[in-house]
PDB file of N, CA and C in Angstrom:
ATOM      1  N   UNK A   1       0.844  -1.186   0.000  1.00  0.00           N
ATOM      2  CA  UNK A   1       0.000   0.000   0.000  1.00  0.00           C
ATOM      3  C   UNK A   1       0.885   1.244   0.000  1.00  0.00           C
ATOM      4  N   UNK A   2       0.418   2.272  -0.645  1.00  0.00           N
ATOM      5  CA  UNK A   2       1.167   3.513  -0.739  1.00  0.00           C
ATOM      6  C   UNK A   2       0.991   4.331   0.536  1.00  0.00           C
ATOM      7  N   UNK A   3       2.057   4.991   0.950  1.00  0.00           N
ATOM      8  CA  UNK A   3       2.010   5.814   2.156  1.00  0.00           C
ATOM      9  C   UNK A   3       1.346   7.156   1.883  1.00  0.00           C
ATOM     10  N   UNK A   4       0.770   7.724   2.924  1.00  0.00           N
ATOM     11  CA  UNK A   4       0.158   9.046   2.815  1.00  0.00           C
ATOM     12  C   UNK A   4       1.267  10.094   2.742  1.00  0.00           C
ATOM     13  N   UNK A   5       0.962  11.185   2.052  1.00  0.00           N
ATOM     14  CA  UNK A   5       1.886  12.304   1.932  1.00  0.00           C
ATOM     15  C   UNK A   5       1.291  13.468   2.715  1.00  0.00           C
ATOM     16  N   UNK A   6       2.094  14.061   3.575  1.00  0.00           N
ATOM     17  CA  UNK A   6       1.641  15.224   4.339  1.00  0.00           C
ATOM     18  C   UNK A   6       2.205  16.476   3.693  1.00  0.00           C
ATOM     19  N   UNK A   7       1.331  17.455   3.477  1.00  0.00           N
ATOM     20  CA  UNK A   7       1.686  18.674   2.764  1.00  0.00           C
ATOM     21  C   UNK A   7       1.310  19.890   3.617  1.00  0.00           C
ATOM     22  N   UNK A   8       2.183  20.867   3.601  1.00  0.00           N
ATOM     23  CA  UNK A   8       1.885  22.144   4.261  1.00  0.00           C
ATOM     24  C   UNK A   8       1.668  23.196   3.188  1.00  0.00           C
ATOM     25  N   UNK A   9       0.764  24.131   3.460  1.00  0.00           N
ATOM     26  CA  UNK A   9       0.469  25.195   2.510  1.00  0.00           C
ATOM     27  C   UNK A   9       0.014  26.429   3.275  1.00  0.00           C
ATOM     28  N   UNK A  10       0.041  27.543   2.587  1.00  0.00           N
ATOM     29  CA  UNK A  10      -0.492  28.791   3.139  1.00  0.00           C
ATOM     30  C   UNK A  10      -1.520  29.320   2.144  1.00  0.00           C
ATOM     31  N   UNK A  11      -2.596  29.866   2.673  1.00  0.00           N
ATOM     32  CA  UNK A  11      -3.622  30.451   1.811  1.00  0.00           C
ATOM     33  C   UNK A  11      -3.127  31.820   1.366  1.00  0.00           C
ATOM     34  N   UNK A  12      -2.874  31.957   0.066  1.00  0.00           N
ATOM     35  CA  UNK A  12      -2.387  33.216  -0.481  1.00  0.00           C
ATOM     36  C   UNK A  12      -3.540  34.195  -0.674  1.00  0.00           C
ATOM     37  N   UNK A  13      -4.619  33.697  -1.293  1.00  0.00           N
ATOM     38  CA  UNK A  13      -5.771  34.555  -1.569  1.00  0.00           C
ATOM     39  C   UNK A  13      -6.947  33.680  -2.006  1.00  0.00           C
ATOM     40  N   UNK A  14      -8.098  34.308  -2.115  1.00  0.00           N
ATOM     41  CA  UNK A  14      -9.287  33.642  -2.633  1.00  0.00           C
ATOM     42  C   UNK A  14      -9.655  34.273  -3.969  1.00  0.00           C
ATOM     43  N   UNK A  15      -9.979  33.450  -4.959  1.00  0.00           N
ATOM     44  CA  UNK A  15     -10.439  33.898  -6.269  1.00  0.00           C
ATOM     45  C   UNK A  15     -11.705  33.137  -6.607  1.00  0.00           C
ATOM     46  N   UNK A  16     -12.792  33.858  -6.737  1.00  0.00           N
ATOM     47  CA  UNK A  16     -14.100  33.250  -7.006  1.00  0.00           C
ATOM     48  C   UNK A  16     -14.381  32.188  -5.939  1.00  0.00           C
ATOM     49  N   UNK A  17     -14.566  30.963  -6.351  1.00  0.00           N
ATOM     50  CA  UNK A  17     -14.898  29.876  -5.416  1.00  0.00           C
ATOM     51  C   UNK A  17     -13.673  29.075  -5.000  1.00  0.00           C
ATOM     52  N   UNK A  18     -12.478  29.584  -5.323  1.00  0.00           N
ATOM     53  CA  UNK A  18     -11.249  28.837  -5.059  1.00  0.00           C
ATOM     54  C   UNK A  18     -10.324  29.572  -4.108  1.00  0.00           C
ATOM     55  N   UNK A  19      -9.499  28.792  -3.428  1.00  0.00           N
ATOM     56  CA  UNK A  19      -8.406  29.338  -2.628  1.00  0.00           C
ATOM     57  C   UNK A  19      -7.123  29.088  -3.411  1.00  0.00           C
ATOM     58  N   UNK A  20      -6.274  30.108  -3.480  1.00  0.00           N
ATOM     59  CA  UNK A  20      -4.966  29.940  -4.099  1.00  0.00           C
ATOM     60  C   UNK A  20      -4.005  29.605  -2.963  1.00  0.00           C
ATOM     61  N   UNK A  21      -3.462  28.389  -3.024  1.00  0.00           N
ATOM     62  CA  UNK A  21      -2.558  27.917  -1.977  1.00  0.00           C
ATOM     63  C   UNK A  21      -1.120  28.008  -2.463  1.00  0.00           C
ATOM     64  N   UNK A  22      -0.210  28.330  -1.557  1.00  0.00           N
ATOM     65  CA  UNK A  22       1.217  28.246  -1.813  1.00  0.00           C
ATOM     66  C   UNK A  22       1.678  26.988  -1.094  1.00  0.00           C
ATOM     67  N   UNK A  23       2.024  25.978  -1.876  1.00  0.00           N
ATOM     68  CA  UNK A  23       2.237  24.628  -1.353  1.00  0.00           C
ATOM     69  C   UNK A  23       3.722  24.306  -1.219  1.00  0.00           C
ATOM     70  N   UNK A  24       4.081  23.747  -0.059  1.00  0.00           N
ATOM     71  CA  UNK A  24       5.433  23.265   0.181  1.00  0.00           C
ATOM     72  C   UNK A  24       6.437  24.384   0.400  1.00  0.00           C
ATOM     73  N   UNK A  25       7.689  23.961   0.583  1.00  0.00           N
ATOM     74  CA  UNK A  25       8.755  24.920   0.843  1.00  0.00           C
ATOM     75  C   UNK A  25       9.005  25.851  -0.340  1.00  0.00           C
ATOM     76  N   UNK A  26       8.786  25.342  -1.558  1.00  0.00           N
ATOM     77  CA  UNK A  26       9.013  26.170  -2.747  1.00  0.00           C
ATOM     78  C   UNK A  26       7.788  27.009  -3.107  1.00  0.00           C
ATOM     79  N   UNK A  27       6.725  26.897  -2.318  1.00  0.00           N
ATOM     80  CA  UNK A  27       5.502  27.685  -2.444  1.00  0.00           C
ATOM     81  C   UNK A  27       4.925  27.701  -3.867  1.00  0.00           C
ATOM     82  N   UNK A  28       4.745  26.521  -4.417  1.00  0.00           N
ATOM     83  CA  UNK A  28       4.108  26.417  -5.735  1.00  0.00           C
ATOM     84  C   UNK A  28       2.617  26.700  -5.600  1.00  0.00           C
ATOM     85  N   UNK A  29       2.084  27.434  -6.540  1.00  0.00           N
ATOM     86  CA  UNK A  29       0.673  27.796  -6.488  1.00  0.00           C
ATOM     87  C   UNK A  29      -0.204  26.618  -6.894  1.00  0.00           C
ATOM     88  N   UNK A  30      -1.291  26.455  -6.170  1.00  0.00           N
ATOM     89  CA  UNK A  30      -2.285  25.436  -6.496  1.00  0.00           C
ATOM     90  C   UNK A  30      -3.661  26.003  -6.161  1.00  0.00           C
ATOM     91  N   UNK A  31      -4.627  25.725  -7.030  1.00  0.00           N
ATOM     92  CA  UNK A  31      -6.008  26.130  -6.777  1.00  0.00           C
ATOM     93  C   UNK A  31      -6.702  24.994  -6.033  1.00  0.00           C
ATOM     94  N   UNK A  32      -7.516  25.352  -5.060  1.00  0.00           N
ATOM     95  CA  UNK A  32      -8.254  24.370  -4.283  1.00  0.00           C
ATOM     96  C   UNK A  32      -9.641  24.935  -4.025  1.00  0.00           C
ATOM     97  N   UNK A  33     -10.685  24.121  -4.168  1.00  0.00           N
ATOM     98  CA  UNK A  33     -12.037  24.630  -3.908  1.00  0.00           C
ATOM     99  C   UNK A  33     -12.160  25.148  -2.471  1.00  0.00           C
ATOM    100  N   UNK A  34     -12.558  26.392  -2.331  1.00  0.00           N
ATOM    101  CA  UNK A  34     -12.682  26.997  -1.004  1.00  0.00           C
ATOM    102  C   UNK A  34     -13.678  26.229  -0.136  1.00  0.00           C
ATOM    103  N   UNK A  35     -14.693  25.649  -0.759  1.00  0.00           N
ATOM    104  CA  UNK A  35     -15.698  24.884  -0.007  1.00  0.00           C
ATOM    105  C   UNK A  35     -15.094  23.644   0.653  1.00  0.00           C
ATOM    106  N   UNK A  36     -13.937  23.191   0.167  1.00  0.00           N
ATOM    107  CA  UNK A  36     -13.279  22.017   0.740  1.00  0.00           C
ATOM    108  C   UNK A  36     -12.385  22.330   1.923  1.00  0.00           C
ATOM    109  N   UNK A  37     -12.264  23.600   2.271  1.00  0.00           N
ATOM    110  CA  UNK A  37     -11.448  24.012   3.412  1.00  0.00           C
ATOM    111  C   UNK A  37     -12.328  24.193   4.648  1.00  0.00           C
ATOM    112  N   UNK A  38     -11.746  24.054   5.836  1.00  0.00           N
ATOM    113  CA  UNK A  38     -12.524  24.321   7.048  1.00  0.00           C
ATOM    114  C   UNK A  38     -13.028  25.770   7.051  1.00  0.00           C
ATOM    115  N   UNK A  39     -14.177  25.982   7.658  1.00  0.00           N
ATOM    116  CA  UNK A  39     -14.756  27.328   7.724  1.00  0.00           C
ATOM    117  C   UNK A  39     -13.871  28.256   8.550  1.00  0.00           C
ATOM    118  N   UNK A  40     -13.905  29.532   8.192  1.00  0.00           N
ATOM    119  CA  UNK A  40     -13.236  30.550   8.987  1.00  0.00           C
ATOM    120  C   UNK A  40     -11.781  30.809   8.639  1.00  0.00           C
ATOM    121  N   UNK A  41     -11.250  30.114   7.639  1.00  0.00           N
ATOM    122  CA  UNK A  41      -9.862  30.351   7.261  1.00  0.00           C
ATOM    123  C   UNK A  41      -9.755  31.635   6.444  1.00  0.00           C
ATOM    124  N   UNK A  42      -8.601  32.289   6.553  1.00  0.00           N
ATOM    125  CA  UNK A  42      -8.373  33.560   5.870  1.00  0.00           C
ATOM    126  C   UNK A  42      -7.047  33.544   5.148  1.00  0.00           C
ATOM    127  N   UNK A  43      -6.832  34.556   4.329  1.00  0.00           N
ATOM    128  CA  UNK A  43      -5.543  34.732   3.662  1.00  0.00           C
ATOM    129  C   UNK A  43      -4.448  34.790   4.727  1.00  0.00           C
ATOM    130  N   UNK A  44      -3.361  34.090   4.455  1.00  0.00           N
ATOM    131  CA  UNK A  44      -2.243  34.055   5.392  1.00  0.00           C
ATOM    132  C   UNK A  44      -2.285  32.889   6.362  1.00  0.00           C
ATOM    133  N   UNK A  45      -3.423  32.194   6.453  1.00  0.00           N
ATOM    134  CA  UNK A  45      -3.515  31.039   7.346  1.00  0.00           C
ATOM    135  C   UNK A  45      -2.727  29.868   6.771  1.00  0.00           C
ATOM    136  N   UNK A  46      -2.051  29.153   7.657  1.00  0.00           N
ATOM    137  CA  UNK A  46      -1.284  27.963   7.269  1.00  0.00           C
ATOM    138  C   UNK A  46      -2.142  26.728   7.509  1.00  0.00           C
ATOM    139  N   UNK A  47      -2.064  25.790   6.586  1.00  0.00           N
ATOM    140  CA  UNK A  47      -2.853  24.561   6.692  1.00  0.00           C
ATOM    141  C   UNK A  47      -1.962  23.352   6.449  1.00  0.00           C
ATOM    142  N   UNK A  48      -2.434  22.204   6.902  1.00  0.00           N
ATOM    143  CA  UNK A  48      -1.783  20.920   6.640  1.00  0.00           C
ATOM    144  C   UNK A  48      -2.793  20.019   5.965  1.00  0.00           C
ATOM    145  N   UNK A  49      -2.323  19.269   4.978  1.00  0.00           N
ATOM    146  CA  UNK A  49      -3.183  18.332   4.270  1.00  0.00           C
ATOM    147  C   UNK A  49      -2.487  16.980   4.224  1.00  0.00           C
ATOM    148  N   UNK A  50      -3.289  15.949   4.156  1.00  0.00           N
ATOM    149  CA  UNK A  50      -2.748  14.603   3.998  1.00  0.00           C
ATOM    150  C   UNK A  50      -3.427  13.980   2.794  1.00  0.00           C
ATOM    151  N   UNK A  51      -2.621  13.480   1.871  1.00  0.00           N
ATOM    152  CA  UNK A  51      -3.145  12.849   0.667  1.00  0.00           C
ATOM    153  C   UNK A  51      -2.760  11.381   0.702  1.00  0.00           C
ATOM    154  N   UNK A  52      -3.752  10.526   0.522  1.00  0.00           N
ATOM    155  CA  UNK A  52      -3.477   9.090   0.543  1.00  0.00           C
ATOM    156  C   UNK A  52      -4.215   8.406  -0.608  1.00  0.00           C
ATOM    157  N   UNK A  53      -3.719   7.260  -0.965  1.00  0.00           N
ATOM    158  CA  UNK A  53      -4.274   6.443  -2.041  1.00  0.00           C
ATOM    159  C   UNK A  53      -5.502   5.712  -1.529  1.00  0.00           C
ATOM    160  N   UNK A  54      -6.586   5.752  -2.285  1.00  0.00           N
ATOM    161  CA  UNK A  54      -7.827   5.076  -1.917  1.00  0.00           C
ATOM    162  C   UNK A  54      -8.028   3.890  -2.868  1.00  0.00           C
ATOM    163  N   UNK A  55      -7.503   2.740  -2.473  1.00  0.00           N
ATOM    164  CA  UNK A  55      -7.550   1.543  -3.321  1.00  0.00           C
ATOM    165  C   UNK A  55      -8.989   1.099  -3.589  1.00  0.00           C
ATOM    166  N   UNK A  56      -9.842   1.183  -2.587  1.00  0.00           N
ATOM    167  CA  UNK A  56     -11.229   0.739  -2.742  1.00  0.00           C
ATOM    168  C   UNK A  56     -11.967   1.599  -3.771  1.00  0.00           C
ATOM    169  N   UNK A  57     -11.805   2.922  -3.696  1.00  0.00           N
ATOM    170  CA  UNK A  57     -12.465   3.816  -4.653  1.00  0.00           C
ATOM    171  C   UNK A  57     -11.888   3.637  -6.052  1.00  0.00           C
ATOM    172  N   UNK A  58     -10.577   3.426  -6.143  1.00  0.00           N
ATOM    173  CA  UNK A  58      -9.946   3.212  -7.441  1.00  0.00           C
ATOM    174  C   UNK A  58     -10.485   1.948  -8.095  1.00  0.00           C
ATOM    175  N   UNK A  59     -10.593   0.874  -7.330  1.00  0.00           N
ATOM    176  CA  UNK A  59     -11.100  -0.387  -7.866  1.00  0.00           C
ATOM    177  C   UNK A  59     -12.551  -0.233  -8.325  1.00  0.00           C
ATOM    178  N   UNK A  60     -13.377   0.443  -7.508  1.00  0.00           N
ATOM    179  CA  UNK A  60     -14.782   0.649  -7.861  1.00  0.00           C
ATOM    180  C   UNK A  60     -14.913   1.471  -9.142  1.00  0.00           C
ATOM    181  N   UNK A  61     -14.090   2.502  -9.295  1.00  0.00           N
ATOM    182  CA  UNK A  61     -14.133   3.335 -10.496  1.00  0.00           C
ATOM    183  C   UNK A  61     -13.718   2.536 -11.725  1.00  0.00           C
ATOM    184  N   UNK A  62     -12.698   1.715 -11.591  1.00  0.00           N
ATOM    185  CA  UNK A  62     -12.252   0.890 -12.712  1.00  0.00           C
ATOM    186  C   UNK A  62     -13.323  -0.117 -13.118  1.00  0.00           C
ATOM    187  N   UNK A  63     -13.986  -0.721 -12.139  1.00  0.00           N
ATOM    188  CA  UNK A  63     -15.052  -1.669 -12.434  1.00  0.00           C
ATOM    189  C   UNK A  63     -16.229  -0.977 -13.123  1.00  0.00           C
ATOM    190  N   UNK A  64     -16.573   0.226 -12.675  1.00  0.00           N
ATOM    191  CA  UNK A  64     -17.665   0.981 -13.286  1.00  0.00           C
ATOM    192  C   UNK A  64     -17.305   1.377 -14.717  1.00  0.00           C
ATOM    193  N   UNK A  65     -16.066   1.778 -14.940  1.00  0.00           N
ATOM    194  CA  UNK A  65     -15.620   2.127 -16.287  1.00  0.00           C
ATOM    195  C   UNK A  65     -15.710   0.923 -17.214  1.00  0.00           C
ATOM    196  N   UNK A  66     -15.279  -0.228 -16.747  1.00  0.00           N
ATOM    197  CA  UNK A  66     -15.348  -1.456 -17.540  1.00  0.00           C
ATOM    198  C   UNK A  66     -16.799  -1.793 -17.859  1.00  0.00           C
ATOM    199  N   UNK A  67     -17.682  -1.664 -16.880  1.00  0.00           N
ATOM    200  CA  UNK A  67     -19.104  -1.948 -17.085  1.00  0.00           C
ATOM    201  C   UNK A  67     -19.698  -1.013 -18.137  1.00  0.00           C
ATOM    202  N   UNK A  68     -19.381   0.270 -18.051  1.00  0.00           N
ATOM    203  CA  UNK A  68     -19.912   1.237 -19.008  1.00  0.00           C
ATOM    204  C   UNK A  68     -19.370   1.001 -20.420  1.00  0.00           C
ATOM    205  N   UNK A  69     -18.091   0.707 -20.524  1.00  0.00           N
ATOM    206  CA  UNK A  69     -17.502   0.415 -21.841  1.00  0.00           C
ATOM    207  C   UNK A  69     -18.118  -0.840 -22.452  1.00  0.00           C
ATOM    208  N   UNK A  70     -18.323  -1.864 -21.630  1.00  0.00           N
ATOM    209  CA  UNK A  70     -18.966  -3.082 -22.122  1.00  0.00           C
ATOM    210  C   UNK A  70     -20.375  -2.785 -22.623  1.00  0.00           C
ATOM    211  N   UNK A  71     -21.115  -1.933 -21.887  1.00  0.00           N
ATOM    212  CA  UNK A  71     -22.472  -1.577 -22.301  1.00  0.00           C
ATOM    213  C   UNK A  71     -22.454  -0.818 -23.622  1.00  0.00           C
ATOM    214  N   UNK A  72     -21.488   0.073 -23.788  1.00  0.00           N
ATOM    215  CA  UNK A  72     -21.378   0.825 -25.044  1.00  0.00           C
ATOM    216  C   UNK A  72     -21.027  -0.081 -26.219  1.00  0.00           C
ATOM    217  N   UNK A  73     -20.290  -1.129 -25.934  1.00  0.00           N
ATOM    218  CA  UNK A  73     -19.891  -2.069 -26.991  1.00  0.00           C
ATOM    219  C   UNK A  73     -20.978  -3.111 -27.253  1.00  0.00           C
ATOM    220  N   UNK A  74     -22.098  -3.029 -26.536  1.00  0.00           N
ATOM    221  CA  UNK A  74     -23.209  -3.938 -26.756  1.00  0.00           C
ATOM    222  C   UNK A  74     -23.173  -5.217 -25.946  1.00  0.00           C
ATOM    223  N   UNK A  75     -22.268  -5.285 -24.985  1.00  0.00           N
ATOM    224  CA  UNK A  75     -22.214  -6.465 -24.120  1.00  0.00           C
ATOM    225  C   UNK A  75     -23.018  -6.183 -22.857  1.00  0.00           C
ATOM    226  N   UNK A  76     -23.544  -7.197 -22.313  1.00  0.00           N
ATOM    227  CA  UNK A  76     -24.288  -7.073 -21.045  1.00  0.00           C
ATOM    228  C   UNK A  76     -23.488  -7.748 -19.944  1.00  0.00           C
ATOM    229  N   UNK A  77     -23.504  -7.112 -18.744  1.00  0.00           N
ATOM    230  CA  UNK A  77     -22.834  -7.755 -17.607  1.00  0.00           C
ATOM    231  C   UNK A  77     -23.843  -8.317 -16.641  1.00  0.00           C
TER     232      UNK A  77
END
């Protein structure tokens, strides 16, 4: 199984429905949906995120894709 990655970022600003994050030590810009952040955060706030691999969701998506492709090709599952 793949290990989770922990990331630090700072909220640079908000644009429309997105937060512009400065991610990591090199402060690379990344857009993130503001609705996905905890309430009450402001520009200049520092955040931590953890990203991990979801094997169960990946498998389910692959199975659904296969089912849909089979249906388009005229096969029934």
